[in-house]
């Protein structure tokens, strides 16, 4: 019988605080993620779970 693995990482819908663009990002991003519209930094890598600088609207399961 196989055990199901649960992942701790998720995708997030983040709203940019400058232009209010909503963008899907990975919560364990290993690179800097910028807004596709205005270029503001939305996610900064921190060696594990990334720091989100935008507002998290929704967590995608």
N, C-alpha and C. Protein backbone atom coordinates (compact mmCIF):
# COMPACT_ATOMS: atom_id res chain seq x y z
N UNK A 1 0.83 -1.18 0.00
CA UNK A 1 0.00 0.00 0.00
C UNK A 1 0.88 1.25 0.00
N UNK A 2 0.64 2.15 -0.94
CA UNK A 2 1.46 3.36 -1.04
C UNK A 2 0.89 4.48 -0.18
N UNK A 3 1.78 5.21 0.44
CA UNK A 3 1.37 6.38 1.20
C UNK A 3 1.29 7.58 0.28
N UNK A 4 0.28 8.39 0.47
CA UNK A 4 0.19 9.63 -0.32
C UNK A 4 1.11 10.67 0.28
N UNK A 5 1.82 11.36 -0.59
CA UNK A 5 2.70 12.44 -0.14
C UNK A 5 1.96 13.75 -0.20
N UNK A 6 2.08 14.53 0.82
CA UNK A 6 1.49 15.86 0.81
C UNK A 6 2.60 16.88 0.62
N UNK A 7 2.40 17.75 -0.34
CA UNK A 7 3.40 18.78 -0.57
C UNK A 7 3.08 20.00 0.29
N UNK A 8 4.11 20.66 0.71
CA UNK A 8 3.93 21.87 1.51
C UNK A 8 3.97 23.12 0.65
N UNK A 9 4.33 22.97 -0.60
CA UNK A 9 4.41 24.13 -1.48
C UNK A 9 3.10 24.31 -2.23
N UNK A 10 2.79 25.56 -2.53
CA UNK A 10 1.54 25.89 -3.19
C UNK A 10 1.76 27.01 -4.19
N UNK A 11 0.79 27.16 -5.07
CA UNK A 11 0.76 28.31 -5.96
C UNK A 11 -0.17 29.34 -5.34
N UNK A 12 0.17 30.60 -5.48
CA UNK A 12 -0.60 31.70 -4.90
C UNK A 12 -1.01 32.67 -5.98
N UNK A 13 -2.18 33.27 -5.81
CA UNK A 13 -2.57 34.39 -6.65
C UNK A 13 -2.24 35.64 -5.84
N UNK A 14 -1.34 36.46 -6.36
CA UNK A 14 -0.84 37.64 -5.65
C UNK A 14 -1.25 38.89 -6.41
N UNK A 15 -1.70 39.90 -5.67
CA UNK A 15 -2.08 41.18 -6.29
C UNK A 15 -0.97 42.19 -6.06
N UNK A 16 -0.53 42.81 -7.12
CA UNK A 16 0.51 43.83 -7.05
C UNK A 16 -0.04 45.06 -6.33
N UNK A 17 0.72 45.60 -5.42
CA UNK A 17 0.26 46.77 -4.66
C UNK A 17 0.36 48.07 -5.46
N UNK A 18 1.11 48.06 -6.56
CA UNK A 18 1.21 49.26 -7.39
C UNK A 18 0.13 49.34 -8.47
N UNK A 19 0.01 48.29 -9.28
CA UNK A 19 -0.91 48.36 -10.43
C UNK A 19 -2.13 47.46 -10.28
N UNK A 20 -2.21 46.69 -9.18
CA UNK A 20 -3.32 45.80 -8.87
C UNK A 20 -3.47 44.65 -9.87
N UNK A 21 -2.42 44.34 -10.60
CA UNK A 21 -2.41 43.16 -11.47
C UNK A 21 -2.39 41.91 -10.60
N UNK A 22 -3.19 40.90 -10.96
CA UNK A 22 -3.17 39.63 -10.25
C UNK A 22 -2.34 38.64 -11.04
N UNK A 23 -1.46 37.93 -10.33
CA UNK A 23 -0.50 37.04 -10.99
C UNK A 23 -0.33 35.78 -10.15
N UNK A 24 -0.20 34.64 -10.80
CA UNK A 24 0.04 33.36 -10.12
C UNK A 24 1.54 33.19 -9.91
N UNK A 25 1.93 32.90 -8.66
CA UNK A 25 3.34 32.70 -8.32
C UNK A 25 3.48 31.44 -7.46
N UNK A 26 4.70 30.92 -7.38
CA UNK A 26 5.01 29.75 -6.57
C UNK A 26 5.52 30.22 -5.22
N UNK A 27 5.00 29.65 -4.12
CA UNK A 27 5.38 30.14 -2.80
C UNK A 27 6.79 29.73 -2.36
N UNK A 28 7.43 28.81 -3.09
CA UNK A 28 8.82 28.44 -2.81
C UNK A 28 9.70 28.84 -3.99
N UNK A 29 9.45 30.00 -4.56
CA UNK A 29 10.19 30.47 -5.74
C UNK A 29 11.68 30.59 -5.41
N UNK A 30 12.51 30.17 -6.34
CA UNK A 30 13.96 30.24 -6.13
C UNK A 30 14.59 31.42 -6.86
N UNK A 31 13.76 32.17 -7.59
CA UNK A 31 14.23 33.38 -8.27
C UNK A 31 13.27 34.53 -7.97
N UNK A 32 13.75 35.71 -8.19
CA UNK A 32 12.95 36.91 -8.00
C UNK A 32 11.80 36.92 -9.01
N UNK A 33 10.57 37.19 -8.54
CA UNK A 33 9.40 37.25 -9.43
C UNK A 33 8.89 38.68 -9.44
N UNK A 34 8.80 39.24 -10.64
CA UNK A 34 8.33 40.62 -10.79
C UNK A 34 6.96 40.64 -11.45
N UNK A 35 6.23 41.73 -11.21
CA UNK A 35 4.92 41.92 -11.82
C UNK A 35 5.08 42.01 -13.33
N UNK A 36 4.22 41.31 -14.07
CA UNK A 36 4.30 41.31 -15.53
C UNK A 36 3.90 42.66 -16.13
N UNK A 37 3.17 43.49 -15.38
CA UNK A 37 2.69 44.77 -15.91
C UNK A 37 3.64 45.91 -15.58
N UNK A 38 3.94 46.10 -14.28
CA UNK A 38 4.72 47.28 -13.89
C UNK A 38 6.16 46.97 -13.47
N UNK A 39 6.49 45.69 -13.23
CA UNK A 39 7.86 45.34 -12.89
C UNK A 39 8.18 45.36 -11.41
N UNK A 40 7.22 45.64 -10.53
CA UNK A 40 7.46 45.64 -9.09
C UNK A 40 7.75 44.20 -8.62
N UNK A 41 8.61 44.04 -7.64
CA UNK A 41 8.94 42.73 -7.10
C UNK A 41 7.76 42.18 -6.29
N UNK A 42 7.32 40.99 -6.64
CA UNK A 42 6.20 40.34 -5.95
C UNK A 42 6.67 39.25 -4.99
N UNK A 43 7.73 38.53 -5.37
CA UNK A 43 8.23 37.42 -4.55
C UNK A 43 9.75 37.46 -4.54
N UNK A 44 10.32 37.32 -3.32
CA UNK A 44 11.78 37.27 -3.17
C UNK A 44 12.16 35.93 -2.56
N UNK A 45 13.14 35.23 -3.15
CA UNK A 45 13.56 33.93 -2.61
C UNK A 45 14.24 34.09 -1.25
N UNK A 46 14.01 33.12 -0.37
CA UNK A 46 14.61 33.16 0.97
C UNK A 46 15.23 31.83 1.37
N UNK A 47 15.56 30.98 0.39
CA UNK A 47 16.20 29.70 0.70
C UNK A 47 15.22 28.64 1.17
N UNK A 48 13.98 28.81 0.93
CA UNK A 48 12.91 27.87 1.31
C UNK A 48 11.63 28.51 0.85
N UNK A 49 10.78 28.82 1.80
CA UNK A 49 9.55 29.52 1.44
C UNK A 49 9.92 30.98 1.12
N UNK A 50 9.45 31.43 -0.03
CA UNK A 50 9.80 32.77 -0.49
C UNK A 50 8.97 33.84 0.24
N UNK A 51 9.51 35.05 0.29
CA UNK A 51 8.79 36.17 0.91
C UNK A 51 7.94 36.86 -0.16
N UNK A 52 6.64 36.96 0.12
CA UNK A 52 5.71 37.59 -0.80
C UNK A 52 5.54 39.05 -0.41
N UNK A 53 5.81 39.96 -1.34
CA UNK A 53 5.68 41.38 -1.04
C UNK A 53 4.35 41.95 -1.50
N UNK A 54 3.65 41.22 -2.38
CA UNK A 54 2.31 41.62 -2.80
C UNK A 54 1.28 41.03 -1.85
N UNK A 55 0.00 41.33 -2.10
CA UNK A 55 -1.08 40.82 -1.25
C UNK A 55 -1.57 39.48 -1.81
N UNK A 56 -1.61 38.45 -0.98
CA UNK A 56 -2.07 37.12 -1.40
C UNK A 56 -3.60 37.16 -1.46
N UNK A 57 -4.14 36.89 -2.66
CA UNK A 57 -5.58 36.89 -2.88
C UNK A 57 -6.16 35.50 -2.64
N UNK A 58 -5.45 34.47 -3.14
CA UNK A 58 -5.98 33.12 -3.08
C UNK A 58 -4.83 32.11 -3.08
N UNK A 59 -5.05 31.00 -2.40
CA UNK A 59 -4.11 29.88 -2.40
C UNK A 59 -4.72 28.80 -3.29
N UNK A 60 -3.97 28.39 -4.32
CA UNK A 60 -4.46 27.36 -5.24
C UNK A 60 -4.01 26.00 -4.75
N UNK A 61 -4.92 25.07 -4.65
CA UNK A 61 -4.63 23.72 -4.14
C UNK A 61 -4.33 22.78 -5.29
